[in-house]
Amino acid sequence: MGRRNETITGIEGVRVGHAEDYDSLTGCTVLIFETRRWPVVAVEVRGGLPGTYGTAGLDPSATIRSAKAIFLSGGSLDGMDVASGIRRFLMEKTRLRPIFGVKVKPPVGVSGAIVFDLGRRMGHWPDAEMGYEACEKASSSRVKEGNVGTGTGCTVGKLRGIKFSMKGGVGSSCITLPNGLQVGALVAVNAVGNIVDPSSGQIIAGTRSENGGFHEFTELMPILLSRGREVPIGTTVGVVVTNADLSHDEVQKMVQMSHDGLARSIRPSHTATDGDALFGVSTGELRTFLPRRLEREWIGLRKDVVGHLAAEQVTASVIRAVRAAKTIKFDEAWNGMIPGLASG
């Protein structure tokens, strides 16, 4: 028997596909939801420089608040071109349905978020064809992590510029409880700040110093305040999914709490030049997961349980992303390497 799928695709109905351009160091990742009913989707943006797509329809005041697919893309704002390729793929798979007495293909909801990656610096970014390719590759197999999809051009620890940064990437994690409850996350880590392992409190990837260690944000403040160099741009984006049957306000609370996972593993997180954004999704497959008595006696317990687990899986995904990232060559204005934690 193969090892258990402890990534987000371990949740039934969730498929993930990556597409990338290793020459241009950019890529995109797509999550497609093949659930029996429309998934409930919410979004929470906490970074100061976000780039999101199709999120107005996820607002609590909106009518449907769902999406068939969510993408994470490199290329900054131009990377949103992947949405048209994703929509084309989904429309090709959509059957005609009667709407107001006429058989038509109903529109498919697509939402997403972008990061400013190495590809954007090199003048390249994901396009519609790359979005379509990611959909073609989408599967329920264990999620590939590290330098794939959106993680291809991600870096972390950019407070001293790209030369002293390290490789970021894509990471995914999922937990399954004995009662059947599942909560998973997939995160593309492209942070301005350092990556910290909460279990030890130690920086494991980030802004490197000449002596082989790492710089903390507070150490660099005098330099940052006095320099006239470029402003570092980051962004960590991701998706948290549960199989629990949640209302939209419960999904919204879950994704709000899931940002705790970024705060625990990225220092600093949610900065003015990070566009940190997370999507929350309920597939609705698990109708109940708590004893009725507990739900009556502890108002909001359902939200607390899935929110806490979501934050834990976000943290795990961030750590997994940088631990799976490999060293890459980077030749723009200087000849050097951006080190990753994985060998190769």
C-alpha atoms as a PDB file:
ATOM      1  CA  MET A   1       0.000   0.000   0.000  1.00  0.00           C
ATOM      2  CA  GLY A   2       1.143   3.554  -0.751  1.00  0.00           C
ATOM      3  CA  ARG A   3       1.514   6.113   1.976  1.00  0.00           C
ATOM      4  CA  ARG A   4      -1.562   8.013   3.094  1.00  0.00           C
ATOM      5  CA  ASN A   5      -2.315  11.243   1.258  1.00  0.00           C
ATOM      6  CA  GLU A   6      -1.784  13.908   3.915  1.00  0.00           C
ATOM      7  CA  THR A   7      -2.098  16.797   1.467  1.00  0.00           C
ATOM      8  CA  ILE A   8      -5.214  18.764   0.574  1.00  0.00           C
ATOM      9  CA  THR A   9      -6.231  16.287  -2.147  1.00  0.00           C
ATOM     10  CA  GLY A  10      -6.811  13.744   0.620  1.00  0.00           C
ATOM     11  CA  ILE A  11     -10.201  15.470   0.924  1.00  0.00           C
ATOM     12  CA  GLU A  12     -12.733  13.919  -1.441  1.00  0.00           C
ATOM     13  CA  GLY A  13     -13.650  16.106  -4.401  1.00  0.00           C
ATOM     14  CA  VAL A  14     -10.505  18.266  -4.339  1.00  0.00           C
ATOM     15  CA  ARG A  15      -8.152  18.124  -7.323  1.00  0.00           C
ATOM     16  CA  VAL A  16      -4.907  20.108  -7.699  1.00  0.00           C
ATOM     17  CA  GLY A  17      -2.886  20.834 -10.819  1.00  0.00           C
ATOM     18  CA  HIS A  18       0.412  22.680 -11.352  1.00  0.00           C
ATOM     19  CA  ALA A  19       1.897  24.240 -14.464  1.00  0.00           C
ATOM     20  CA  GLU A  20       5.208  26.061 -14.630  1.00  0.00           C
ATOM     21  CA  ASP A  21       7.928  27.584 -16.799  1.00  0.00           C
ATOM     22  CA  TYR A  22      11.317  26.792 -15.282  1.00  0.00           C
ATOM     23  CA  ASP A  23      13.165  28.986 -17.783  1.00  0.00           C
ATOM     24  CA  SER A  24      11.161  32.032 -16.714  1.00  0.00           C
ATOM     25  CA  LEU A  25      10.768  30.912 -13.081  1.00  0.00           C
ATOM     26  CA  THR A  26       7.009  31.332 -12.821  1.00  0.00           C
ATOM     27  CA  GLY A  27       3.901  29.162 -12.680  1.00  0.00           C
ATOM     28  CA  CYS A  28       0.369  28.649 -11.417  1.00  0.00           C
ATOM     29  CA  THR A  29      -1.596  26.190  -9.300  1.00  0.00           C
ATOM     30  CA  VAL A  30      -5.293  25.385  -9.670  1.00  0.00           C
ATOM     31  CA  LEU A  31      -7.691  23.712  -7.241  1.00  0.00           C
ATOM     32  CA  ILE A  32     -10.808  22.252  -8.858  1.00  0.00           C
ATOM     33  CA  PHE A  33     -13.765  21.158  -6.735  1.00  0.00           C
ATOM     34  CA  GLU A  34     -15.719  18.149  -7.986  1.00  0.00           C
ATOM     35  CA  THR A  35     -18.287  17.985  -5.218  1.00  0.00           C
ATOM     36  CA  ARG A  36     -21.892  16.788  -5.257  1.00  0.00           C
ATOM     37  CA  ARG A  37     -23.086  20.307  -4.583  1.00  0.00           C
ATOM     38  CA  TRP A  38     -21.608  23.757  -4.952  1.00  0.00           C
ATOM     39  CA  PRO A  39     -18.837  24.288  -2.398  1.00  0.00           C
ATOM     40  CA  VAL A  40     -19.235  27.187   0.036  1.00  0.00           C
ATOM     41  CA  VAL A  41     -16.333  29.624  -0.442  1.00  0.00           C
ATOM     42  CA  ALA A  42     -15.094  32.651   1.501  1.00  0.00           C
ATOM     43  CA  VAL A  43     -11.951  34.785   1.365  1.00  0.00           C
ATOM     44  CA  GLU A  44      -9.934  36.777   3.880  1.00  0.00           C
ATOM     45  CA  VAL A  45      -7.309  39.320   2.768  1.00  0.00           C
ATOM     46  CA  ARG A  46      -4.919  40.710   5.385  1.00  0.00           C
ATOM     47  CA  GLY A  47      -1.892  41.834   3.390  1.00  0.00           C
ATOM     48  CA  GLY A  48      -1.463  45.471   2.400  1.00  0.00           C
ATOM     49  CA  LEU A  49      -0.743  44.830  -1.298  1.00  0.00           C
ATOM     50  CA  PRO A  50      -3.230  42.161  -2.444  1.00  0.00           C
ATOM     51  CA  GLY A  51      -4.118  40.985  -5.916  1.00  0.00           C
ATOM     52  CA  THR A  52      -7.315  38.945  -6.064  1.00  0.00           C
ATOM     53  CA  TYR A  53      -9.752  37.802  -8.755  1.00  0.00           C
ATOM     54  CA  GLY A  54     -13.452  37.032  -8.555  1.00  0.00           C
ATOM     55  CA  THR A  55     -13.774  37.701  -4.833  1.00  0.00           C
ATOM     56  CA  ALA A  56     -16.731  40.125  -4.862  1.00  0.00           C
ATOM     57  CA  GLY A  57     -19.082  37.170  -5.317  1.00  0.00           C
ATOM     58  CA  LEU A  58     -17.708  35.599  -2.133  1.00  0.00           C
ATOM     59  CA  ASP A  59     -18.727  38.510   0.071  1.00  0.00           C
ATOM     60  CA  PRO A  60     -21.216  37.658   2.849  1.00  0.00           C
ATOM     61  CA  SER A  61     -23.797  39.898   1.149  1.00  0.00           C
ATOM     62  CA  ALA A  62     -23.482  38.076  -2.198  1.00  0.00           C
ATOM     63  CA  THR A  63     -26.033  35.498  -3.378  1.00  0.00           C
ATOM     64  CA  ILE A  64     -24.096  32.381  -4.433  1.00  0.00           C
ATOM     65  CA  ARG A  65     -20.695  32.650  -2.629  1.00  0.00           C
ATOM     66  CA  SER A  66     -19.137  29.707  -4.403  1.00  0.00           C
ATOM     67  CA  ALA A  67     -16.479  28.827  -6.969  1.00  0.00           C
ATOM     68  CA  LYS A  68     -15.767  25.800  -9.111  1.00  0.00           C
ATOM     69  CA  ALA A  69     -12.025  26.524  -9.122  1.00  0.00           C
ATOM     70  CA  ILE A  70      -9.499  28.645  -7.243  1.00  0.00           C
ATOM     71  CA  PHE A  71      -6.129  29.571  -8.723  1.00  0.00           C
ATOM     72  CA  LEU A  72      -2.889  30.807  -7.207  1.00  0.00           C
ATOM     73  CA  SER A  73      -0.632  32.402  -9.808  1.00  0.00           C
ATOM     74  CA  GLY A  74       2.710  34.083 -10.240  1.00  0.00           C
ATOM     75  CA  GLY A  75       3.130  37.116 -12.474  1.00  0.00           C
ATOM     76  CA  SER A  76       1.529  39.726 -10.235  1.00  0.00           C
ATOM     77  CA  LEU A  77      -1.583  41.319 -11.782  1.00  0.00           C
ATOM     78  CA  ASP A  78      -0.716  39.998 -15.247  1.00  0.00           C
ATOM     79  CA  GLY A  79      -0.856  36.477 -13.839  1.00  0.00           C
ATOM     80  CA  MET A  80      -4.632  36.783 -13.652  1.00  0.00           C
ATOM     81  CA  ASP A  81      -4.632  35.852 -17.348  1.00  0.00           C
ATOM     82  CA  VAL A  82      -4.724  32.212 -16.165  1.00  0.00           C
ATOM     83  CA  ALA A  83      -8.391  32.687 -15.231  1.00  0.00           C
ATOM     84  CA  SER A  84      -9.564  32.677 -18.861  1.00  0.00           C
ATOM     85  CA  GLY A  85      -7.783  29.369 -19.529  1.00  0.00           C
ATOM     86  CA  ILE A  86      -9.273  27.836 -16.388  1.00  0.00           C
ATOM     87  CA  ARG A  87     -12.736  29.017 -17.339  1.00  0.00           C
ATOM     88  CA  ARG A  88     -12.334  27.626 -20.870  1.00  0.00           C
ATOM     89  CA  PHE A  89     -11.353  24.229 -19.460  1.00  0.00           C
ATOM     90  CA  LEU A  90     -14.297  24.150 -17.062  1.00  0.00           C
ATOM     91  CA  MET A  91     -16.787  25.267 -19.717  1.00  0.00           C
ATOM     92  CA  GLU A  92     -15.650  22.445 -21.990  1.00  0.00           C
ATOM     93  CA  LYS A  93     -16.557  20.000 -19.221  1.00  0.00           C
ATOM     94  CA  THR A  94     -19.876  21.669 -18.349  1.00  0.00           C
ATOM     95  CA  ARG A  95     -23.130  20.193 -19.640  1.00  0.00           C
ATOM     96  CA  LEU A  96     -26.083  22.122 -20.998  1.00  0.00           C
ATOM     97  CA  ARG A  97     -28.726  22.895 -18.379  1.00  0.00           C
ATOM     98  CA  PRO A  98     -32.162  24.463 -18.627  1.00  0.00           C
ATOM     99  CA  ILE A  99     -32.173  28.068 -17.404  1.00  0.00           C
ATOM    100  CA  PHE A 100     -35.432  30.028 -17.855  1.00  0.00           C
ATOM    101  CA  GLY A 101     -36.607  27.374 -20.293  1.00  0.00           C
ATOM    102  CA  VAL A 102     -33.488  27.475 -22.487  1.00  0.00           C
ATOM    103  CA  LYS A 103     -30.666  24.941 -22.433  1.00  0.00           C
ATOM    104  CA  VAL A 104     -27.348  26.748 -21.922  1.00  0.00           C
ATOM    105  CA  LYS A 105     -24.009  26.159 -20.297  1.00  0.00           C
ATOM    106  CA  PRO A 106     -24.187  27.871 -16.900  1.00  0.00           C
ATOM    107  CA  PRO A 107     -21.287  30.167 -15.986  1.00  0.00           C
ATOM    108  CA  VAL A 108     -18.555  28.672 -13.836  1.00  0.00           C
ATOM    109  CA  GLY A 109     -17.212  30.546 -10.842  1.00  0.00           C
ATOM    110  CA  VAL A 110     -13.440  31.086 -10.763  1.00  0.00           C
ATOM    111  CA  SER A 111     -11.606  32.945  -8.008  1.00  0.00           C
ATOM    112  CA  GLY A 112      -7.928  33.395  -7.308  1.00  0.00           C
ATOM    113  CA  ALA A 113      -4.976  35.393  -6.058  1.00  0.00           C
ATOM    114  CA  ILE A 114      -1.533  36.313  -7.402  1.00  0.00           C
ATOM    115  CA  VAL A 115       2.022  36.771  -6.145  1.00  0.00           C
ATOM    116  CA  PHE A 116       4.916  38.945  -7.374  1.00  0.00           C
ATOM    117  CA  ASP A 117       7.436  36.223  -8.212  1.00  0.00           C
ATOM    118  CA  LEU A 118      10.772  35.912 -10.029  1.00  0.00           C
ATOM    119  CA  GLY A 119       9.011  35.489 -13.374  1.00  0.00           C
ATOM    120  CA  ARG A 120       7.529  38.983 -13.067  1.00  0.00           C
ATOM    121  CA  ARG A 121      11.010  40.409 -12.471  1.00  0.00           C
ATOM    122  CA  MET A 122      12.205  38.644 -15.627  1.00  0.00           C
ATOM    123  CA  GLY A 123       9.327  39.963 -17.724  1.00  0.00           C
ATOM    124  CA  HIS A 124       7.375  36.701 -17.954  1.00  0.00           C
ATOM    125  CA  TRP A 125       4.168  35.556 -16.309  1.00  0.00           C
ATOM    126  CA  PRO A 126       1.546  32.797 -16.467  1.00  0.00           C
ATOM    127  CA  ASP A 127      -1.055  33.110 -19.222  1.00  0.00           C
ATOM    128  CA  ALA A 128      -4.354  31.494 -20.246  1.00  0.00           C
ATOM    129  CA  GLU A 129      -2.596  28.484 -21.764  1.00  0.00           C
ATOM    130  CA  MET A 130      -0.746  27.825 -18.524  1.00  0.00           C
ATOM    131  CA  GLY A 131      -4.018  28.011 -16.605  1.00  0.00           C
ATOM    132  CA  TYR A 132      -5.565  25.484 -19.005  1.00  0.00           C
ATOM    133  CA  GLU A 133      -2.517  23.215 -18.656  1.00  0.00           C
ATOM    134  CA  ALA A 134      -2.765  23.282 -14.859  1.00  0.00           C
ATOM    135  CA  CYS A 135      -6.400  22.166 -15.125  1.00  0.00           C
ATOM    136  CA  GLU A 136      -5.459  19.319 -17.449  1.00  0.00           C
ATOM    137  CA  LYS A 137      -2.907  18.136 -14.888  1.00  0.00           C
ATOM    138  CA  ALA A 138      -5.281  18.436 -11.925  1.00  0.00           C
ATOM    139  CA  SER A 139      -5.711  15.192  -9.996  1.00  0.00           C
ATOM    140  CA  SER A 140      -6.535  13.808  -6.577  1.00  0.00           C
ATOM    141  CA  SER A 141      -3.000  12.424  -6.203  1.00  0.00           C
ATOM    142  CA  ARG A 142      -0.694  13.617  -3.466  1.00  0.00           C
ATOM    143  CA  VAL A 143       0.143  17.292  -4.095  1.00  0.00           C
ATOM    144  CA  LYS A 144       3.633  17.967  -5.455  1.00  0.00           C
ATOM    145  CA  GLU A 145       5.411  20.519  -3.263  1.00  0.00           C
ATOM    146  CA  GLY A 146       8.311  22.960  -3.457  1.00  0.00           C
ATOM    147  CA  ASN A 147       9.424  24.403  -6.823  1.00  0.00           C
ATOM    148  CA  VAL A 148       6.216  23.594  -8.701  1.00  0.00           C
ATOM    149  CA  GLY A 149       3.233  25.596  -9.909  1.00  0.00           C
ATOM    150  CA  THR A 150       2.968  28.924  -8.151  1.00  0.00           C
ATOM    151  CA  GLY A 151       5.967  27.970  -6.037  1.00  0.00           C
ATOM    152  CA  THR A 152       8.334  27.923  -9.028  1.00  0.00           C
ATOM    153  CA  GLY A 153       9.381  31.560  -8.660  1.00  0.00           C
ATOM    154  CA  CYS A 154       8.526  32.161  -4.997  1.00  0.00           C
ATOM    155  CA  THR A 155      11.164  33.493  -2.594  1.00  0.00           C
ATOM    156  CA  VAL A 156      11.199  34.409   1.111  1.00  0.00           C
ATOM    157  CA  GLY A 157      13.199  36.796   3.285  1.00  0.00           C
ATOM    158  CA  LYS A 158      13.436  39.711   0.851  1.00  0.00           C
ATOM    159  CA  LEU A 159      14.194  42.542   3.286  1.00  0.00           C
ATOM    160  CA  ARG A 160      17.773  42.920   1.954  1.00  0.00           C
ATOM    161  CA  GLY A 161      16.819  42.355  -1.661  1.00  0.00           C
ATOM    162  CA  ILE A 162      16.650  39.224  -3.768  1.00  0.00           C
ATOM    163  CA  LYS A 163      20.381  38.454  -3.401  1.00  0.00           C
ATOM    164  CA  PHE A 164      19.989  37.636   0.302  1.00  0.00           C
ATOM    165  CA  SER A 165      16.633  35.848   0.005  1.00  0.00           C
ATOM    166  CA  MET A 166      15.888  32.117  -0.035  1.00  0.00           C
ATOM    167  CA  LYS A 167      13.616  29.913  -2.089  1.00  0.00           C
ATOM    168  CA  GLY A 168       9.934  29.701  -1.260  1.00  0.00           C
ATOM    169  CA  GLY A 169       7.461  27.267  -2.775  1.00  0.00           C
ATOM    170  CA  VAL A 170       4.158  25.440  -2.521  1.00  0.00           C
ATOM    171  CA  GLY A 171       3.273  23.302   0.492  1.00  0.00           C
ATOM    172  CA  SER A 172       0.200  21.319   1.491  1.00  0.00           C
ATOM    173  CA  SER A 173      -1.026  19.497   4.586  1.00  0.00           C
ATOM    174  CA  CYS A 174      -4.219  17.790   5.735  1.00  0.00           C
ATOM    175  CA  ILE A 175      -5.474  16.245   8.972  1.00  0.00           C
ATOM    176  CA  THR A 176      -8.169  13.578   9.296  1.00  0.00           C
ATOM    177  CA  LEU A 177      -9.783  13.039  12.702  1.00  0.00           C
ATOM    178  CA  PRO A 178     -11.305   9.715  13.867  1.00  0.00           C
ATOM    179  CA  ASN A 179     -14.799  11.225  13.517  1.00  0.00           C
ATOM    180  CA  GLY A 180     -14.210  11.780   9.789  1.00  0.00           C
ATOM    181  CA  LEU A 181     -13.578  15.520   9.943  1.00  0.00           C
ATOM    182  CA  GLN A 182     -10.922  16.671   7.486  1.00  0.00           C
ATOM    183  CA  VAL A 183      -9.218  20.049   7.217  1.00  0.00           C
ATOM    184  CA  GLY A 184      -6.449  20.740   4.721  1.00  0.00           C
ATOM    185  CA  ALA A 185      -4.451  23.624   3.304  1.00  0.00           C
ATOM    186  CA  LEU A 186      -2.362  24.483   0.273  1.00  0.00           C
ATOM    187  CA  VAL A 187      -0.117  27.556   0.490  1.00  0.00           C
ATOM    188  CA  ALA A 188       2.206  29.333  -1.938  1.00  0.00           C
ATOM    189  CA  VAL A 189       4.906  30.972   0.203  1.00  0.00           C
ATOM    190  CA  ASN A 190       6.447  34.142  -1.243  1.00  0.00           C
ATOM    191  CA  ALA A 191       6.862  36.184   1.934  1.00  0.00           C
ATOM    192  CA  VAL A 192       8.834  39.366   2.562  1.00  0.00           C
ATOM    193  CA  GLY A 193       9.574  38.049   6.057  1.00  0.00           C
ATOM    194  CA  ASN A 194      11.324  35.019   7.516  1.00  0.00           C
ATOM    195  CA  ILE A 195       9.915  31.512   7.887  1.00  0.00           C
ATOM    196  CA  VAL A 196       9.842  30.321  11.494  1.00  0.00           C
ATOM    197  CA  ASP A 197       9.275  26.794  12.784  1.00  0.00           C
ATOM    198  CA  PRO A 198       6.862  27.327  15.730  1.00  0.00           C
ATOM    199  CA  SER A 199       7.938  24.066  17.355  1.00  0.00           C
ATOM    200  CA  SER A 200      11.451  25.450  17.922  1.00  0.00           C
ATOM    201  CA  GLY A 201      11.005  29.192  17.439  1.00  0.00           C
ATOM    202  CA  GLN A 202      13.932  29.095  15.016  1.00  0.00           C
ATOM    203  CA  ILE A 203      14.156  30.744  11.587  1.00  0.00           C
ATOM    204  CA  ILE A 204      14.521  28.008   8.964  1.00  0.00           C
ATOM    205  CA  ALA A 205      14.514  30.234   5.843  1.00  0.00           C
ATOM    206  CA  GLY A 206      14.643  33.960   5.291  1.00  0.00           C
ATOM    207  CA  THR A 207      16.852  37.018   4.979  1.00  0.00           C
ATOM    208  CA  ARG A 208      20.423  35.724   5.044  1.00  0.00           C
ATOM    209  CA  SER A 209      23.376  37.462   6.651  1.00  0.00           C
ATOM    210  CA  GLU A 210      27.009  37.293   5.554  1.00  0.00           C
ATOM    211  CA  ASN A 211      27.949  35.062   8.503  1.00  0.00           C
ATOM    212  CA  GLY A 212      25.534  32.327   7.473  1.00  0.00           C
ATOM    213  CA  GLY A 213      22.716  33.238   9.867  1.00  0.00           C
ATOM    214  CA  PHE A 214      19.534  35.211   9.431  1.00  0.00           C
ATOM    215  CA  HIS A 215      18.534  38.828   9.995  1.00  0.00           C
ATOM    216  CA  GLU A 216      15.458  39.611  12.070  1.00  0.00           C
ATOM    217  CA  PHE A 217      13.199  42.410  10.875  1.00  0.00           C
ATOM    218  CA  THR A 218      14.064  44.596  13.874  1.00  0.00           C
ATOM    219  CA  GLU A 219      17.797  44.306  13.109  1.00  0.00           C
ATOM    220  CA  LEU A 220      17.256  45.653   9.620  1.00  0.00           C
ATOM    221  CA  MET A 221      14.978  48.558  10.548  1.00  0.00           C
ATOM    222  CA  PRO A 222      17.785  51.206  10.593  1.00  0.00           C
ATOM    223  CA  ILE A 223      18.904  50.098   7.124  1.00  0.00           C
ATOM    224  CA  LEU A 224      15.370  49.934   5.789  1.00  0.00           C
ATOM    225  CA  LEU A 225      14.559  53.405   7.096  1.00  0.00           C
ATOM    226  CA  SER A 226      17.675  54.999   5.600  1.00  0.00           C
ATOM    227  CA  ARG A 227      18.068  53.257   2.263  1.00  0.00           C
ATOM    228  CA  GLY A 228      16.780  54.430  -1.072  1.00  0.00           C
ATOM    229  CA  ARG A 229      16.639  50.967  -2.601  1.00  0.00           C
ATOM    230  CA  GLU A 230      13.658  49.075  -3.967  1.00  0.00           C
ATOM    231  CA  VAL A 231      10.851  48.120  -1.625  1.00  0.00           C
ATOM    232  CA  PRO A 232      10.611  44.335  -1.114  1.00  0.00           C
ATOM    233  CA  ILE A 233       7.381  42.834  -2.449  1.00  0.00           C
ATOM    234  CA  GLY A 234       6.047  39.494  -1.253  1.00  0.00           C
ATOM    235  CA  THR A 235       2.675  37.752  -0.775  1.00  0.00           C
ATOM    236  CA  THR A 236       1.629  34.412   0.646  1.00  0.00           C
ATOM    237  CA  VAL A 237      -1.618  33.029  -0.743  1.00  0.00           C
ATOM    238  CA  GLY A 238      -3.461  29.802  -0.157  1.00  0.00           C
ATOM    239  CA  VAL A 239      -6.628  27.771   0.266  1.00  0.00           C
ATOM    240  CA  VAL A 240      -8.019  25.948   3.311  1.00  0.00           C
ATOM    241  CA  VAL A 241     -10.628  23.242   2.736  1.00  0.00           C
ATOM    242  CA  THR A 242     -12.820  21.184   5.047  1.00  0.00           C
ATOM    243  CA  ASN A 243     -15.253  18.377   4.301  1.00  0.00           C
ATOM    244  CA  ALA A 244     -17.527  19.644   7.089  1.00  0.00           C
ATOM    245  CA  ASP A 245     -20.940  20.950   6.065  1.00  0.00           C
ATOM    246  CA  LEU A 246     -20.531  24.602   7.035  1.00  0.00           C
ATOM    247  CA  SER A 247     -22.576  27.734   6.442  1.00  0.00           C
ATOM    248  CA  HIS A 248     -20.924  30.688   4.763  1.00  0.00           C
ATOM    249  CA  ASP A 249     -20.416  32.540   8.037  1.00  0.00           C
ATOM    250  CA  GLU A 250     -18.741  29.425   9.480  1.00  0.00           C
ATOM    251  CA  VAL A 251     -16.430  29.188   6.454  1.00  0.00           C
ATOM    252  CA  GLN A 252     -15.677  32.896   6.811  1.00  0.00           C
ATOM    253  CA  LYS A 253     -14.696  32.388  10.448  1.00  0.00           C
ATOM    254  CA  MET A 254     -12.573  29.368   9.514  1.00  0.00           C
ATOM    255  CA  VAL A 255     -10.576  31.327   6.958  1.00  0.00           C
ATOM    256  CA  GLN A 256     -10.195  34.279   9.336  1.00  0.00           C
ATOM    257  CA  MET A 257      -8.714  31.994  11.988  1.00  0.00           C
ATOM    258  CA  SER A 258      -6.531  30.247   9.408  1.00  0.00           C
ATOM    259  CA  HIS A 259      -4.481  33.456   9.034  1.00  0.00           C
ATOM    260  CA  ASP A 260      -3.162  32.675  12.530  1.00  0.00           C
ATOM    261  CA  GLY A 261      -1.166  29.979  10.760  1.00  0.00           C
ATOM    262  CA  LEU A 262       0.643  32.612   8.696  1.00  0.00           C
ATOM    263  CA  ALA A 263       1.348  34.741  11.758  1.00  0.00           C
ATOM    264  CA  ARG A 264       2.874  31.747  13.570  1.00  0.00           C
ATOM    265  CA  SER A 265       5.178  30.742  10.710  1.00  0.00           C
ATOM    266  CA  ILE A 266       6.051  34.006   8.912  1.00  0.00           C
ATOM    267  CA  ARG A 267       7.782  36.866  10.721  1.00  0.00           C
ATOM    268  CA  PRO A 268       6.619  39.508   9.970  1.00  0.00           C
ATOM    269  CA  SER A 269       3.437  38.543   8.118  1.00  0.00           C
ATOM    270  CA  HIS A 270       0.634  40.682   6.649  1.00  0.00           C
ATOM    271  CA  THR A 271       3.035  43.554   5.895  1.00  0.00           C
ATOM    272  CA  ALA A 272       2.251  46.603   3.789  1.00  0.00           C
ATOM    273  CA  THR A 273       3.990  45.023   0.780  1.00  0.00           C
ATOM    274  CA  ASP A 274       2.656  41.480   1.252  1.00  0.00           C
ATOM    275  CA  GLY A 275      -0.700  40.707  -0.343  1.00  0.00           C
ATOM    276  CA  ASP A 276      -1.480  37.838   2.023  1.00  0.00           C
ATOM    277  CA  ALA A 277      -4.834  36.251   1.146  1.00  0.00           C
ATOM    278  CA  LEU A 278      -6.457  32.926   2.006  1.00  0.00           C
ATOM    279  CA  PHE A 279      -9.584  31.278   0.612  1.00  0.00           C
ATOM    280  CA  GLY A 280     -11.804  29.006   2.715  1.00  0.00           C
ATOM    281  CA  VAL A 281     -13.871  26.170   1.231  1.00  0.00           C
ATOM    282  CA  SER A 282     -16.463  23.750   2.609  1.00  0.00           C
ATOM    283  CA  THR A 283     -17.236  20.729   0.412  1.00  0.00           C
ATOM    284  CA  GLY A 284     -20.195  19.835   2.647  1.00  0.00           C
ATOM    285  CA  GLU A 285     -19.630  16.055   2.525  1.00  0.00           C
ATOM    286  CA  LEU A 286     -19.611  15.548   6.324  1.00  0.00           C
ATOM    287  CA  ARG A 287     -22.999  16.522   7.719  1.00  0.00           C
ATOM    288  CA  THR A 288     -22.145  16.387  11.440  1.00  0.00           C
ATOM    289  CA  PHE A 289     -18.889  15.989  13.338  1.00  0.00           C
ATOM    290  CA  LEU A 290     -19.740  17.044  16.897  1.00  0.00           C
ATOM    291  CA  PRO A 291     -22.175  15.643  19.477  1.00  0.00           C
ATOM    292  CA  ARG A 292     -25.397  17.646  19.490  1.00  0.00           C
ATOM    293  CA  ARG A 293     -25.076  18.302  23.220  1.00  0.00           C
ATOM    294  CA  LEU A 294     -21.712  20.004  22.778  1.00  0.00           C
ATOM    295  CA  GLU A 295     -23.021  22.175  19.959  1.00  0.00           C
ATOM    296  CA  ARG A 296     -25.886  23.343  22.156  1.00  0.00           C
ATOM    297  CA  GLU A 297     -23.699  24.041  25.206  1.00  0.00           C
ATOM    298  CA  TRP A 298     -20.796  25.728  23.380  1.00  0.00           C
ATOM    299  CA  ILE A 299     -22.058  28.228  20.857  1.00  0.00           C
ATOM    300  CA  GLY A 300     -19.561  28.525  18.038  1.00  0.00           C
ATOM    301  CA  LEU A 301     -17.726  25.280  18.829  1.00  0.00           C
ATOM    302  CA  ARG A 302     -17.963  24.156  15.196  1.00  0.00           C
ATOM    303  CA  LYS A 303     -16.245  27.360  14.090  1.00  0.00           C
ATOM    304  CA  ASP A 304     -13.562  27.054  16.742  1.00  0.00           C
ATOM    305  CA  VAL A 305     -12.726  23.456  15.848  1.00  0.00           C
ATOM    306  CA  VAL A 306     -12.375  23.913  12.088  1.00  0.00           C
ATOM    307  CA  GLY A 307     -10.734  27.338  12.487  1.00  0.00           C
ATOM    308  CA  HIS A 308      -8.073  26.009  14.841  1.00  0.00           C
ATOM    309  CA  LEU A 309      -7.361  23.015  12.614  1.00  0.00           C
ATOM    310  CA  ALA A 310      -7.188  25.259   9.550  1.00  0.00           C
ATOM    311  CA  ALA A 311      -4.585  27.492  11.206  1.00  0.00           C
ATOM    312  CA  GLU A 312      -2.547  24.416  12.135  1.00  0.00           C
ATOM    313  CA  GLN A 313      -2.622  23.132   8.561  1.00  0.00           C
ATOM    314  CA  VAL A 314      -1.636  26.532   7.159  1.00  0.00           C
ATOM    315  CA  THR A 315       1.403  26.577   9.449  1.00  0.00           C
ATOM    316  CA  ALA A 316       2.340  23.045   8.427  1.00  0.00           C
ATOM    317  CA  SER A 317       1.937  23.930   4.743  1.00  0.00           C
ATOM    318  CA  VAL A 318       4.217  26.978   5.046  1.00  0.00           C
ATOM    319  CA  ILE A 319       6.942  24.874   6.691  1.00  0.00           C
ATOM    320  CA  ARG A 320       6.534  22.096   4.124  1.00  0.00           C
ATOM    321  CA  ALA A 321       6.772  24.599   1.272  1.00  0.00           C
ATOM    322  CA  VAL A 322      10.222  25.894   2.206  1.00  0.00           C
ATOM    323  CA  ARG A 323      11.515  22.461   3.239  1.00  0.00           C
ATOM    324  CA  ALA A 324      10.589  21.101  -0.202  1.00  0.00           C
ATOM    325  CA  ALA A 325      12.080  24.084  -2.050  1.00  0.00           C
ATOM    326  CA  LYS A 326      15.331  23.514  -3.939  1.00  0.00           C
ATOM    327  CA  THR A 327      18.202  25.855  -4.733  1.00  0.00           C
ATOM    328  CA  ILE A 328      17.871  27.618  -8.087  1.00  0.00           C
ATOM    329  CA  LYS A 329      20.168  29.625 -10.331  1.00  0.00           C
ATOM    330  CA  PHE A 330      19.125  33.224 -10.765  1.00  0.00           C
ATOM    331  CA  ASP A 331      20.892  35.480 -13.257  1.00  0.00           C
ATOM    332  CA  GLU A 332      19.509  38.988 -13.388  1.00  0.00           C
ATOM    333  CA  ALA A 333      21.915  41.867 -12.740  1.00  0.00           C
ATOM    334  CA  TRP A 334      24.070  39.470 -10.758  1.00  0.00           C
ATOM    335  CA  ASN A 335      25.327  35.923 -11.122  1.00  0.00           C
ATOM    336  CA  GLY A 336      24.341  33.815  -8.157  1.00  0.00           C
ATOM    337  CA  MET A 337      22.056  31.299  -6.486  1.00  0.00           C
ATOM    338  CA  ILE A 338      18.976  31.442  -4.330  1.00  0.00           C
ATOM    339  CA  PRO A 339      19.361  28.618  -1.810  1.00  0.00           C
ATOM    340  CA  GLY A 340      16.544  26.318  -0.832  1.00  0.00           C
ATOM    341  CA  LEU A 341      16.382  23.815   2.000  1.00  0.00           C
ATOM    342  CA  ALA A 342      15.995  20.696  -0.129  1.00  0.00           C
ATOM    343  CA  SER A 343      19.007  19.236  -1.876  1.00  0.00           C
ATOM    344  CA  GLY A 344      19.363  19.283  -5.669  1.00  0.00           C
END
